[in-house]
Amino acid sequence: MQIKEETIAILKQFDIGNKFASLPVLPKASVLIPLIVKNGALCTLMTLRSQELRTSPGEVCFPGGKSDPSDADDVDTALREAEEEIGLPPAEVQVVCRLVPIINKSGLLVTPVVGFIEESFCPRPNPAEVSAVFTVPLDFFTSDKDHSTAGMMGLLHSFNFVDPDSGRQYQIWGLTAMFAILVAALALRRTPEFEVVFYPEDPISFFQRLLHRRTSKL
């Protein structure tokens, strides 16, 4: 499928590999950003966290969580968590790249892992962790139509998405929104219609500087 192969070639250029392995030791987490080609368009799979969870209940996020001592690396963490949360077998994920990690509000170093899954995948959400799974067109995260910005430096992006399949409305914001914007800008080679803090021509540089600035204080 041409769109899939072209996207893989684009995203692989931004793979960080082990570039940040020398950073100060921080508690780590990973998220999987699952890409799907649906009706000829790039989409991503997202989840709604269970209201029973102690942290960020009822928030939209990508499958993921904290690193476990048994995990070989960031990719392993993302794949393990995706299997636990939505029943996605690791063997059914074509891992494409790891992007620059970002330190979240809780002090976790969160690494986004991008991978392709088949459109035929049927989620089996773990009700203890996930209350809904839905698909969003990737270009939604470059449009200003349902977007708003708040916070210092415009870092806090928020989107209101209405799932056409269920009619349910979701608010996608914070770090999840930032990761979605970044992947959409890279994969689609498209400058968002709204202001962003990174350079669309070289978006990774901003996050590298931000990361080094934060970790240099540790």
N, C-alpha and C. Protein backbone atom coordinates (compact mmCIF):
# COMPACT_ATOMS: atom_id res chain seq x y z
N MET A 1 0.85 -1.19 0.00
CA MET A 1 0.00 0.00 0.00
C MET A 1 0.89 1.24 0.00
N GLN A 2 0.75 2.08 -1.03
CA GLN A 2 1.69 3.17 -1.25
C GLN A 2 1.72 4.17 -0.10
N ILE A 3 0.55 4.57 0.40
CA ILE A 3 0.53 5.57 1.47
C ILE A 3 1.25 5.07 2.72
N LYS A 4 1.11 3.79 3.00
CA LYS A 4 1.78 3.21 4.17
C LYS A 4 3.29 3.22 3.97
N GLU A 5 3.76 2.76 2.84
CA GLU A 5 5.19 2.70 2.59
C GLU A 5 5.82 4.09 2.57
N GLU A 6 5.11 5.06 1.99
CA GLU A 6 5.62 6.42 1.95
C GLU A 6 5.73 7.01 3.36
N THR A 7 4.72 6.73 4.18
CA THR A 7 4.72 7.24 5.55
C THR A 7 5.85 6.62 6.37
N ILE A 8 6.05 5.34 6.20
CA ILE A 8 7.15 4.66 6.91
C ILE A 8 8.49 5.28 6.55
N ALA A 9 8.69 5.53 5.26
CA ALA A 9 9.96 6.12 4.80
C ALA A 9 10.16 7.52 5.40
N ILE A 10 9.09 8.29 5.50
CA ILE A 10 9.18 9.64 6.07
C ILE A 10 9.52 9.57 7.55
N LEU A 11 8.77 8.76 8.31
CA LEU A 11 8.93 8.72 9.75
C LEU A 11 10.25 8.13 10.21
N LYS A 12 10.78 7.19 9.42
CA LYS A 12 12.05 6.58 9.79
C LYS A 12 13.19 7.61 9.85
N GLN A 13 13.03 8.71 9.13
CA GLN A 13 14.05 9.76 9.15
C GLN A 13 14.17 10.41 10.53
N PHE A 14 13.12 10.28 11.34
CA PHE A 14 13.09 10.96 12.64
C PHE A 14 13.27 10.00 13.81
N ASP A 15 13.65 8.76 13.51
CA ASP A 15 13.87 7.76 14.55
C ASP A 15 15.07 8.16 15.41
N ILE A 16 14.88 8.24 16.72
CA ILE A 16 15.98 8.68 17.60
C ILE A 16 16.92 7.54 17.98
N GLY A 17 16.49 6.29 17.79
CA GLY A 17 17.32 5.16 18.18
C GLY A 17 17.70 5.26 19.65
N ASN A 18 19.01 5.16 19.95
CA ASN A 18 19.49 5.26 21.33
C ASN A 18 20.15 6.61 21.62
N LYS A 19 19.72 7.61 20.87
CA LYS A 19 20.35 8.92 20.93
C LYS A 19 20.32 9.55 22.32
N PHE A 20 19.27 9.23 23.09
CA PHE A 20 19.12 9.86 24.40
C PHE A 20 19.39 8.88 25.55
N ALA A 21 20.12 7.84 25.26
CA ALA A 21 20.41 6.82 26.29
C ALA A 21 21.27 7.38 27.41
N SER A 22 22.03 8.45 27.15
CA SER A 22 22.93 9.00 28.16
C SER A 22 22.28 10.05 29.06
N LEU A 23 20.99 10.28 28.91
CA LEU A 23 20.30 11.26 29.74
C LEU A 23 20.31 10.81 31.20
N PRO A 24 20.18 11.77 32.13
CA PRO A 24 20.09 11.39 33.55
C PRO A 24 18.97 10.39 33.76
N VAL A 25 19.16 9.53 34.73
CA VAL A 25 18.16 8.50 34.99
C VAL A 25 16.86 9.14 35.45
N LEU A 26 15.79 8.84 34.73
CA LEU A 26 14.46 9.34 35.06
C LEU A 26 13.50 8.17 34.99
N PRO A 27 12.40 8.23 35.75
CA PRO A 27 11.38 7.19 35.55
C PRO A 27 10.84 7.28 34.14
N LYS A 28 10.73 6.14 33.48
CA LYS A 28 10.38 6.15 32.05
C LYS A 28 8.99 5.57 31.79
N ALA A 29 8.43 6.01 30.68
CA ALA A 29 7.16 5.48 30.18
C ALA A 29 7.21 5.54 28.66
N SER A 30 6.35 4.79 28.02
CA SER A 30 6.25 4.82 26.56
C SER A 30 4.79 4.76 26.15
N VAL A 31 4.49 5.36 25.01
CA VAL A 31 3.15 5.22 24.42
C VAL A 31 3.30 4.70 23.01
N LEU A 32 2.34 3.93 22.59
CA LEU A 32 2.31 3.47 21.20
C LEU A 32 1.33 4.35 20.43
N ILE A 33 1.81 4.93 19.34
CA ILE A 33 0.93 5.70 18.45
C ILE A 33 0.63 4.81 17.26
N PRO A 34 -0.52 4.10 17.31
CA PRO A 34 -0.84 3.14 16.25
C PRO A 34 -1.43 3.84 15.03
N LEU A 35 -0.79 3.69 13.90
CA LEU A 35 -1.29 4.27 12.65
C LEU A 35 -2.02 3.22 11.85
N ILE A 36 -3.09 3.64 11.20
CA ILE A 36 -3.93 2.75 10.38
C ILE A 36 -4.24 3.46 9.07
N VAL A 37 -4.24 2.73 7.97
CA VAL A 37 -4.74 3.28 6.71
C VAL A 37 -6.20 2.86 6.60
N LYS A 38 -7.09 3.83 6.67
CA LYS A 38 -8.53 3.57 6.66
C LYS A 38 -9.18 4.37 5.54
N ASN A 39 -9.81 3.67 4.61
CA ASN A 39 -10.43 4.33 3.45
C ASN A 39 -9.45 5.24 2.72
N GLY A 40 -8.21 4.77 2.63
CA GLY A 40 -7.19 5.51 1.89
C GLY A 40 -6.57 6.67 2.63
N ALA A 41 -6.91 6.85 3.91
CA ALA A 41 -6.37 7.97 4.69
C ALA A 41 -5.66 7.47 5.94
N LEU A 42 -4.66 8.22 6.37
CA LEU A 42 -3.94 7.88 7.59
C LEU A 42 -4.78 8.24 8.81
N CYS A 43 -4.89 7.31 9.74
CA CYS A 43 -5.62 7.53 10.99
C CYS A 43 -4.78 7.01 12.14
N THR A 44 -5.19 7.36 13.35
CA THR A 44 -4.53 6.82 14.54
C THR A 44 -5.57 6.32 15.52
N LEU A 45 -5.18 5.30 16.27
CA LEU A 45 -6.06 4.70 17.27
C LEU A 45 -5.79 5.34 18.62
N MET A 46 -6.87 5.71 19.34
CA MET A 46 -6.73 6.35 20.64
C MET A 46 -7.65 5.66 21.64
N THR A 47 -7.39 5.88 22.93
CA THR A 47 -8.20 5.24 23.97
C THR A 47 -8.70 6.28 24.97
N LEU A 48 -9.75 5.92 25.67
CA LEU A 48 -10.26 6.72 26.78
C LEU A 48 -9.99 5.95 28.06
N ARG A 49 -9.26 6.58 28.96
CA ARG A 49 -8.89 5.92 30.21
C ARG A 49 -10.11 5.69 31.10
N SER A 50 -10.09 4.58 31.80
CA SER A 50 -11.19 4.23 32.71
C SER A 50 -11.33 5.28 33.82
N GLN A 51 -12.55 5.51 34.25
CA GLN A 51 -12.80 6.43 35.35
C GLN A 51 -12.31 5.85 36.68
N GLU A 52 -12.00 4.57 36.69
CA GLU A 52 -11.56 3.91 37.92
C GLU A 52 -10.06 4.07 38.18
N LEU A 53 -9.33 4.57 37.21
CA LEU A 53 -7.89 4.72 37.38
C LEU A 53 -7.56 5.89 38.31
N ARG A 54 -6.48 5.75 39.05
CA ARG A 54 -6.08 6.79 40.00
C ARG A 54 -5.48 8.00 39.31
N THR A 55 -4.77 7.78 38.20
CA THR A 55 -4.15 8.90 37.49
C THR A 55 -4.87 9.16 36.17
N SER A 56 -5.16 10.42 35.93
CA SER A 56 -5.79 10.88 34.69
C SER A 56 -7.02 10.06 34.28
N PRO A 57 -7.97 9.81 35.20
CA PRO A 57 -9.16 9.05 34.83
C PRO A 57 -10.00 9.79 33.79
N GLY A 58 -10.56 9.05 32.85
CA GLY A 58 -11.44 9.65 31.86
C GLY A 58 -10.77 10.51 30.82
N GLU A 59 -9.43 10.45 30.72
CA GLU A 59 -8.73 11.25 29.72
C GLU A 59 -8.40 10.41 28.48
N VAL A 60 -8.34 11.08 27.35
CA VAL A 60 -7.95 10.42 26.11
C VAL A 60 -6.42 10.28 26.08
N CYS A 61 -5.96 9.15 25.63
CA CYS A 61 -4.51 8.94 25.54
C CYS A 61 -4.21 7.88 24.48
N PHE A 62 -2.94 7.68 24.23
CA PHE A 62 -2.50 6.56 23.41
C PHE A 62 -2.22 5.39 24.35
N PRO A 63 -2.30 4.16 23.86
CA PRO A 63 -1.95 3.02 24.72
C PRO A 63 -0.52 3.17 25.23
N GLY A 64 -0.32 2.92 26.51
CA GLY A 64 1.03 3.05 27.04
C GLY A 64 1.04 3.11 28.54
N GLY A 65 2.24 3.22 29.10
CA GLY A 65 2.38 3.28 30.54
C GLY A 65 3.83 3.24 30.96
N LYS A 66 4.04 3.04 32.24
CA LYS A 66 5.39 3.05 32.81
C LYS A 66 6.21 1.84 32.39
N SER A 67 7.51 2.06 32.32
CA SER A 67 8.44 0.98 32.00
C SER A 67 8.47 -0.04 33.13
N ASP A 68 8.62 -1.29 32.75
CA ASP A 68 8.72 -2.40 33.69
C ASP A 68 10.15 -2.95 33.63
N PRO A 69 10.68 -3.42 34.76
CA PRO A 69 12.05 -3.97 34.73
C PRO A 69 12.24 -5.08 33.70
N SER A 70 11.17 -5.76 33.35
CA SER A 70 11.28 -6.85 32.39
C SER A 70 11.31 -6.36 30.94
N ASP A 71 11.02 -5.07 30.71
CA ASP A 71 11.01 -4.53 29.35
C ASP A 71 12.44 -4.36 28.83
N ALA A 72 12.65 -4.78 27.60
CA ALA A 72 13.98 -4.66 27.00
C ALA A 72 14.32 -3.21 26.68
N ASP A 73 13.31 -2.43 26.24
CA ASP A 73 13.53 -1.03 25.86
C ASP A 73 12.19 -0.31 25.78
N ASP A 74 12.23 0.92 25.26
CA ASP A 74 11.02 1.74 25.16
C ASP A 74 9.96 1.11 24.25
N VAL A 75 10.42 0.48 23.18
CA VAL A 75 9.50 -0.18 22.26
C VAL A 75 8.79 -1.33 22.96
N ASP A 76 9.55 -2.10 23.72
CA ASP A 76 8.99 -3.22 24.46
C ASP A 76 7.90 -2.75 25.43
N THR A 77 8.16 -1.62 26.09
CA THR A 77 7.18 -1.06 27.03
C THR A 77 5.89 -0.71 26.32
N ALA A 78 6.00 0.00 25.20
CA ALA A 78 4.82 0.43 24.45
C ALA A 78 4.00 -0.76 23.95
N LEU A 79 4.68 -1.78 23.43
CA LEU A 79 3.98 -2.95 22.89
C LEU A 79 3.31 -3.75 24.01
N ARG A 80 4.01 -3.90 25.13
CA ARG A 80 3.44 -4.64 26.26
C ARG A 80 2.18 -3.95 26.78
N GLU A 81 2.27 -2.64 26.94
CA GLU A 81 1.13 -1.89 27.46
C GLU A 81 -0.05 -1.92 26.49
N ALA A 82 0.23 -1.85 25.19
CA ALA A 82 -0.84 -1.90 24.20
C ALA A 82 -1.56 -3.24 24.22
N GLU A 83 -0.79 -4.30 24.44
CA GLU A 83 -1.42 -5.62 24.53
C GLU A 83 -2.27 -5.72 25.80
N GLU A 84 -1.76 -5.19 26.91
CA GLU A 84 -2.51 -5.25 28.17
C GLU A 84 -3.77 -4.40 28.12
N GLU A 85 -3.70 -3.26 27.45
CA GLU A 85 -4.82 -2.31 27.48
C GLU A 85 -5.89 -2.60 26.43
N ILE A 86 -5.47 -2.93 25.21
CA ILE A 86 -6.47 -3.08 24.14
C ILE A 86 -6.37 -4.42 23.41
N GLY A 87 -5.56 -5.35 23.92
CA GLY A 87 -5.45 -6.66 23.31
C GLY A 87 -4.75 -6.68 21.97
N LEU A 88 -3.81 -5.76 21.76
CA LEU A 88 -3.07 -5.70 20.50
C LEU A 88 -1.81 -6.54 20.60
N PRO A 89 -1.73 -7.67 19.89
CA PRO A 89 -0.54 -8.52 19.95
C PRO A 89 0.68 -7.78 19.39
N PRO A 90 1.82 -7.82 20.08
CA PRO A 90 3.01 -7.14 19.60
C PRO A 90 3.40 -7.55 18.17
N ALA A 91 3.15 -8.81 17.83
CA ALA A 91 3.52 -9.30 16.50
C ALA A 91 2.70 -8.63 15.40
N GLU A 92 1.59 -8.00 15.77
CA GLU A 92 0.73 -7.36 14.77
C GLU A 92 1.03 -5.87 14.62
N VAL A 93 2.11 -5.42 15.23
CA VAL A 93 2.52 -4.02 15.12
C VAL A 93 3.80 -3.94 14.30
N GLN A 94 3.79 -3.15 13.25
CA GLN A 94 4.99 -2.89 12.47
C GLN A 94 5.61 -1.61 13.01
N VAL A 95 6.57 -1.76 13.91
CA VAL A 95 7.19 -0.60 14.55
C VAL A 95 7.98 0.20 13.51
N VAL A 96 7.75 1.50 13.50
CA VAL A 96 8.40 2.37 12.51
C VAL A 96 9.53 3.18 13.12
N CYS A 97 9.26 3.82 14.27
CA CYS A 97 10.28 4.69 14.85
C CYS A 97 9.95 5.06 16.29
N ARG A 98 10.97 5.57 16.97
CA ARG A 98 10.79 6.22 18.26
C ARG A 98 11.09 7.70 18.06
N LEU A 99 10.22 8.56 18.58
CA LEU A 99 10.45 9.99 18.47
C LEU A 99 11.02 10.53 19.78
N VAL A 100 11.40 11.80 19.78
CA VAL A 100 12.03 12.41 20.94
C VAL A 100 11.11 12.32 22.16
N PRO A 101 11.61 11.83 23.29
CA PRO A 101 10.80 11.75 24.50
C PRO A 101 10.53 13.12 25.09
N ILE A 102 9.44 13.23 25.83
CA ILE A 102 9.07 14.48 26.50
C ILE A 102 8.80 14.17 27.97
N ILE A 103 9.23 15.05 28.85
CA ILE A 103 8.96 14.87 30.28
C ILE A 103 7.56 15.39 30.58
N ASN A 104 6.71 14.53 31.12
CA ASN A 104 5.32 14.93 31.37
C ASN A 104 5.18 15.64 32.72
N LYS A 105 3.96 16.02 33.06
CA LYS A 105 3.71 16.80 34.27
C LYS A 105 4.06 16.03 35.54
N SER A 106 4.13 14.70 35.44
CA SER A 106 4.46 13.88 36.61
C SER A 106 5.95 13.57 36.71
N GLY A 107 6.74 14.09 35.76
CA GLY A 107 8.18 13.86 35.78
C GLY A 107 8.62 12.59 35.09
N LEU A 108 7.71 11.95 34.36
CA LEU A 108 8.06 10.75 33.60
C LEU A 108 8.64 11.14 32.25
N LEU A 109 9.66 10.43 31.82
CA LEU A 109 10.22 10.62 30.49
C LEU A 109 9.44 9.72 29.53
N VAL A 110 8.56 10.32 28.74
CA VAL A 110 7.63 9.56 27.90
C VAL A 110 8.13 9.51 26.46
N THR A 111 8.36 8.31 25.95
CA THR A 111 8.82 8.12 24.58
C THR A 111 7.68 7.67 23.69
N PRO A 112 7.40 8.40 22.61
CA PRO A 112 6.37 7.97 21.66
C PRO A 112 6.95 6.97 20.66
N VAL A 113 6.31 5.82 20.55
CA VAL A 113 6.71 4.79 19.60
C VAL A 113 5.62 4.72 18.52
N VAL A 114 6.02 4.91 17.28
CA VAL A 114 5.05 4.92 16.18
C VAL A 114 5.09 3.59 15.45
N GLY A 115 3.92 3.03 15.19
CA GLY A 115 3.85 1.76 14.47
C GLY A 115 2.57 1.62 13.69
N PHE A 116 2.59 0.81 12.66
CA PHE A 116 1.40 0.55 11.85
C PHE A 116 0.69 -0.71 12.31
N ILE A 117 -0.64 -0.67 12.31
CA ILE A 117 -1.44 -1.86 12.56
C ILE A 117 -2.45 -2.01 11.43
N GLU A 118 -3.02 -3.19 11.30
CA GLU A 118 -3.97 -3.44 10.22
C GLU A 118 -5.34 -2.84 10.55
N GLU A 119 -6.04 -2.40 9.53
CA GLU A 119 -7.38 -1.85 9.72
C GLU A 119 -8.33 -2.89 10.30
N SER A 120 -8.04 -4.16 10.07
CA SER A 120 -8.91 -5.25 10.54
C SER A 120 -8.79 -5.52 12.04
N PHE A 121 -7.80 -4.87 12.71
CA PHE A 121 -7.61 -5.11 14.14
C PHE A 121 -8.88 -4.75 14.91
N CYS A 122 -9.31 -5.65 15.77
CA CYS A 122 -10.51 -5.44 16.59
C CYS A 122 -10.07 -5.31 18.06
N PRO A 123 -10.14 -4.11 18.62
CA PRO A 123 -9.67 -3.90 20.01
C PRO A 123 -10.47 -4.72 21.02
N ARG A 124 -9.76 -5.19 22.03
CA ARG A 124 -10.40 -5.86 23.17
C ARG A 124 -9.96 -5.12 24.43
N PRO A 125 -10.59 -3.96 24.70
CA PRO A 125 -10.14 -3.13 25.80
C PRO A 125 -10.28 -3.79 27.17
N ASN A 126 -9.26 -3.62 27.98
CA ASN A 126 -9.27 -4.08 29.37
C ASN A 126 -10.11 -3.08 30.16
N PRO A 127 -11.30 -3.46 30.65
CA PRO A 127 -12.19 -2.49 31.31
C PRO A 127 -11.61 -1.84 32.55
N ALA A 128 -10.60 -2.47 33.15
CA ALA A 128 -9.97 -1.87 34.32
C ALA A 128 -9.12 -0.65 33.95
N GLU A 129 -8.75 -0.56 32.67
CA GLU A 129 -7.87 0.52 32.24
C GLU A 129 -8.45 1.39 31.14
N VAL A 130 -9.28 0.80 30.27
CA VAL A 130 -9.76 1.50 29.08
C VAL A 130 -11.28 1.38 28.97
N SER A 131 -11.95 2.52 28.76
CA SER A 131 -13.41 2.49 28.65
C SER A 131 -13.88 2.65 27.21
N ALA A 132 -12.98 3.08 26.30
CA ALA A 132 -13.37 3.22 24.89
C ALA A 132 -12.12 3.25 24.02
N VAL A 133 -12.28 2.78 22.78
CA VAL A 133 -11.21 2.83 21.78
C VAL A 133 -11.83 3.42 20.51
N PHE A 134 -11.16 4.37 19.90
CA PHE A 134 -11.73 5.03 18.72
C PHE A 134 -10.62 5.44 17.77
N THR A 135 -10.99 5.76 16.54
CA THR A 135 -10.03 6.11 15.49
C THR A 135 -10.22 7.56 15.06
N VAL A 136 -9.11 8.27 14.89
CA VAL A 136 -9.15 9.67 14.49
C VAL A 136 -8.31 9.87 13.23
N PRO A 137 -8.85 10.53 12.20
CA PRO A 137 -8.03 10.84 11.02
C PRO A 137 -6.83 11.69 11.43
N LEU A 138 -5.68 11.38 10.91
CA LEU A 138 -4.46 12.08 11.34
C LEU A 138 -4.50 13.56 10.96
N ASP A 139 -5.14 13.89 9.84
CA ASP A 139 -5.16 15.30 9.43
C ASP A 139 -6.03 16.16 10.35
N PHE A 140 -6.83 15.52 11.22
CA PHE A 140 -7.61 16.26 12.20
C PHE A 140 -6.69 17.08 13.10
N PHE A 141 -5.48 16.57 13.32
CA PHE A 141 -4.54 17.22 14.24
C PHE A 141 -3.70 18.30 13.57
N THR A 142 -4.02 18.65 12.34
CA THR A 142 -3.37 19.80 11.70
C THR A 142 -4.40 20.88 11.36
N SER A 143 -5.67 20.62 11.65
CA SER A 143 -6.75 21.56 11.34
C SER A 143 -7.09 22.43 12.55
N ASP A 144 -7.41 23.68 12.30
CA ASP A 144 -7.76 24.60 13.39
C ASP A 144 -9.24 24.56 13.74
N LYS A 145 -10.02 23.81 12.98
CA LYS A 145 -11.48 23.83 13.10
C LYS A 145 -11.96 23.49 14.51
N ASP A 146 -11.45 22.42 15.09
CA ASP A 146 -11.90 21.98 16.42
C ASP A 146 -10.77 22.05 17.43
N HIS A 147 -9.89 23.03 17.25
CA HIS A 147 -8.67 23.15 18.05
C HIS A 147 -8.67 24.43 18.88
N SER A 148 -8.08 24.36 20.05
CA SER A 148 -7.86 25.55 20.87
C SER A 148 -6.52 25.41 21.57
N THR A 149 -5.98 26.55 22.01
CA THR A 149 -4.67 26.57 22.66
C THR A 149 -4.75 27.37 23.95
N ALA A 150 -4.03 26.90 24.96
CA ALA A 150 -3.97 27.62 26.23
C ALA A 150 -2.60 27.39 26.85
N GLY A 151 -2.32 28.07 27.95
CA GLY A 151 -1.08 27.82 28.67
C GLY A 151 0.08 28.64 28.16
N MET A 152 1.14 28.66 28.95
CA MET A 152 2.35 29.41 28.61
C MET A 152 3.00 28.84 27.35
N MET A 153 3.42 29.71 26.46
CA MET A 153 4.09 29.36 25.20
C MET A 153 3.17 28.58 24.26
N GLY A 154 1.88 28.52 24.55
CA GLY A 154 0.98 27.80 23.66
C GLY A 154 1.25 26.32 23.60
N LEU A 155 1.79 25.77 24.69
CA LEU A 155 2.14 24.34 24.70
C LEU A 155 0.93 23.44 24.90
N LEU A 156 -0.15 24.00 25.48
CA LEU A 156 -1.30 23.17 25.81
C LEU A 156 -2.34 23.23 24.69
N HIS A 157 -2.35 22.21 23.85
CA HIS A 157 -3.30 22.14 22.75
C HIS A 157 -4.48 21.26 23.16
N SER A 158 -5.64 21.58 22.60
CA SER A 158 -6.83 20.79 22.90
C SER A 158 -7.68 20.67 21.64
N PHE A 159 -8.23 19.47 21.43
CA PHE A 159 -9.10 19.21 20.29
C PHE A 159 -10.41 18.61 20.78
N ASN A 160 -11.51 18.98 20.15
CA ASN A 160 -12.79 18.34 20.41
C ASN A 160 -13.14 17.48 19.21
N PHE A 161 -13.17 16.17 19.42
CA PHE A 161 -13.41 15.22 18.33
C PHE A 161 -14.72 14.49 18.55
N VAL A 162 -15.55 14.47 17.52
CA VAL A 162 -16.80 13.71 17.57
C VAL A 162 -16.62 12.46 16.71
N ASP A 163 -16.68 11.30 17.35
CA ASP A 163 -16.51 10.03 16.66
C ASP A 163 -17.73 9.77 15.77
N PRO A 164 -17.54 9.71 14.45
CA PRO A 164 -18.68 9.51 13.56
C PRO A 164 -19.35 8.15 13.73
N ASP A 165 -18.63 7.18 14.27
CA ASP A 165 -19.20 5.84 14.45
C ASP A 165 -20.13 5.77 15.66
N SER A 166 -19.76 6.47 16.73
CA SER A 166 -20.57 6.38 17.97
C SER A 166 -21.31 7.66 18.30
N GLY A 167 -20.90 8.78 17.69
CA GLY A 167 -21.48 10.07 18.02
C GLY A 167 -20.95 10.64 19.32
N ARG A 168 -20.02 9.94 19.93
CA ARG A 168 -19.48 10.38 21.21
C ARG A 168 -18.42 11.46 21.01
N GLN A 169 -18.38 12.42 21.92
CA GLN A 169 -17.41 13.51 21.82
C GLN A 169 -16.26 13.27 22.79
N TYR A 170 -15.06 13.53 22.30
CA TYR A 170 -13.86 13.34 23.11
C TYR A 170 -13.03 14.62 23.11
N GLN A 171 -12.45 14.96 24.26
CA GLN A 171 -11.49 16.04 24.34
C GLN A 171 -10.09 15.42 24.36
N ILE A 172 -9.28 15.84 23.41
CA ILE A 172 -7.91 15.33 23.28
C ILE A 172 -6.98 16.50 23.57
N TRP A 173 -6.21 16.41 24.63
CA TRP A 173 -5.41 17.57 25.03
C TRP A 173 -4.08 17.14 25.66
N GLY A 174 -3.31 18.16 26.05
CA GLY A 174 -2.06 17.91 26.75
C GLY A 174 -1.00 17.19 25.93
N LEU A 175 -0.26 16.32 26.59
CA LEU A 175 0.84 15.61 25.94
C LEU A 175 0.33 14.72 24.80
N THR A 176 -0.84 14.12 24.99
CA THR A 176 -1.42 13.28 23.93
C THR A 176 -1.66 14.10 22.67
N ALA A 177 -2.22 15.29 22.84
CA ALA A 177 -2.47 16.16 21.68
C ALA A 177 -1.15 16.57 21.02
N MET A 178 -0.14 16.87 21.84
CA MET A 178 1.15 17.28 21.28
C MET A 178 1.78 16.15 20.46
N PHE A 179 1.73 14.94 20.98
CA PHE A 179 2.26 13.81 20.23
C PHE A 179 1.50 13.62 18.92
N ALA A 180 0.18 13.77 18.98
CA ALA A 180 -0.64 13.60 17.77
C ALA A 180 -0.31 14.67 16.72
N ILE A 181 -0.14 15.91 17.18
CA ILE A 181 0.22 17.00 16.27
C ILE A 181 1.57 16.72 15.62
N LEU A 182 2.53 16.30 16.44
CA LEU A 182 3.87 16.04 15.93
C LEU A 182 3.87 14.94 14.87
N VAL A 183 3.21 13.83 15.16
CA VAL A 183 3.18 12.73 14.21
C VAL A 183 2.43 13.13 12.93
N ALA A 184 1.34 13.88 13.09
CA ALA A 184 0.58 14.33 11.92
C ALA A 184 1.42 15.26 11.05
N ALA A 185 2.13 16.20 11.68
CA ALA A 185 2.96 17.14 10.92
C ALA A 185 4.07 16.41 10.16
N LEU A 186 4.67 15.41 10.81
CA LEU A 186 5.75 14.65 10.17
C LEU A 186 5.22 13.75 9.06
N ALA A 187 4.22 12.93 9.40
CA ALA A 187 3.73 11.92 8.46
C ALA A 187 3.06 12.53 7.24
N LEU A 188 2.33 13.63 7.46
CA LEU A 188 1.59 14.24 6.35
C LEU A 188 2.38 15.34 5.66
N ARG A 189 3.56 15.66 6.23
CA ARG A 189 4.38 16.76 5.70
C ARG A 189 3.53 18.02 5.58
N ARG A 190 2.84 18.32 6.67
CA ARG A 190 1.88 19.41 6.64
C ARG A 190 2.09 20.34 7.84
N THR A 191 2.12 21.64 7.57
CA THR A 191 2.21 22.61 8.65
C THR A 191 0.84 22.80 9.27
N PRO A 192 0.70 22.65 10.59
CA PRO A 192 -0.60 22.85 11.22
C PRO A 192 -1.15 24.25 10.93
N GLU A 193 -2.48 24.36 10.88
CA GLU A 193 -3.13 25.63 10.60
C GLU A 193 -3.05 26.58 11.80
N PHE A 194 -2.68 26.06 12.95
CA PHE A 194 -2.56 26.86 14.16
C PHE A 194 -1.09 26.99 14.53
N GLU A 195 -0.80 27.90 15.44
CA GLU A 195 0.58 28.14 15.84
C GLU A 195 1.09 27.00 16.72
N VAL A 196 2.29 26.55 16.45
CA VAL A 196 2.93 25.52 17.25
C VAL A 196 4.32 26.02 17.66
N VAL A 197 4.86 25.43 18.72
CA VAL A 197 6.13 25.91 19.24
C VAL A 197 7.33 25.36 18.47
N PHE A 198 7.12 24.30 17.70
CA PHE A 198 8.24 23.73 16.95
C PHE A 198 8.23 24.22 15.51
N TYR A 199 9.39 24.10 14.85
CA TYR A 199 9.50 24.48 13.45
C TYR A 199 8.98 23.34 12.57
N PRO A 200 7.96 23.55 11.77
CA PRO A 200 7.42 22.48 10.93
C PRO A 200 8.47 21.84 10.01
N GLU A 201 9.47 22.64 9.61
CA GLU A 201 10.51 22.10 8.73
C GLU A 201 11.49 21.22 9.50
N ASP A 202 11.63 21.46 10.78
CA ASP A 202 12.55 20.69 11.62
C ASP A 202 11.96 20.59 13.02
N PRO A 203 10.85 19.87 13.17
CA PRO A 203 10.11 19.87 14.44
C PRO A 203 10.84 19.21 15.60
N ILE A 204 11.73 18.27 15.30
CA ILE A 204 12.38 17.53 16.36
C ILE A 204 13.35 18.40 17.17
N SER A 205 13.96 19.39 16.53
CA SER A 205 14.97 20.22 17.20
C SER A 205 14.43 20.89 18.46
N PHE A 206 13.19 21.40 18.38
CA PHE A 206 12.60 22.07 19.54
C PHE A 206 12.51 21.12 20.73
N PHE A 207 12.03 19.91 20.48
CA PHE A 207 11.84 18.95 21.56
C PHE A 207 13.17 18.48 22.13
N GLN A 208 14.18 18.42 21.28
CA GLN A 208 15.52 18.08 21.76
C GLN A 208 16.03 19.16 22.71
N ARG A 209 15.88 20.41 22.33
CA ARG A 209 16.33 21.52 23.18
C ARG A 209 15.55 21.55 24.49
N LEU A 210 14.23 21.34 24.38
CA LEU A 210 13.39 21.34 25.58
C LEU A 210 13.81 20.23 26.53
N LEU A 211 14.07 19.06 25.97
CA LEU A 211 14.47 17.92 26.79
C LEU A 211 15.81 18.16 27.47
N HIS A 212 16.78 18.66 26.73
CA HIS A 212 18.10 18.91 27.31
C HIS A 212 18.04 20.02 28.37
N ARG A 213 17.18 21.01 28.13
CA ARG A 213 17.03 22.09 29.11
C ARG A 213 16.44 21.56 30.42
N ARG A 214 15.44 20.67 30.30
CA ARG A 214 14.82 20.11 31.48
C ARG A 214 15.76 19.18 32.24
N THR A 215 16.48 18.33 31.49
CA THR A 215 17.34 17.34 32.15
C THR A 215 18.62 17.95 32.69
N SER A 216 19.05 19.09 32.16
CA SER A 216 20.28 19.73 32.65
C SER A 216 20.09 20.28 34.07
N LYS A 217 18.84 20.41 34.49
CA LYS A 217 18.54 20.91 35.83
C LYS A 217 18.47 19.80 36.87
N LEU A 218 18.57 18.54 36.38
CA LEU A 218 18.45 17.41 37.30
C LEU A 218 19.77 17.10 38.01
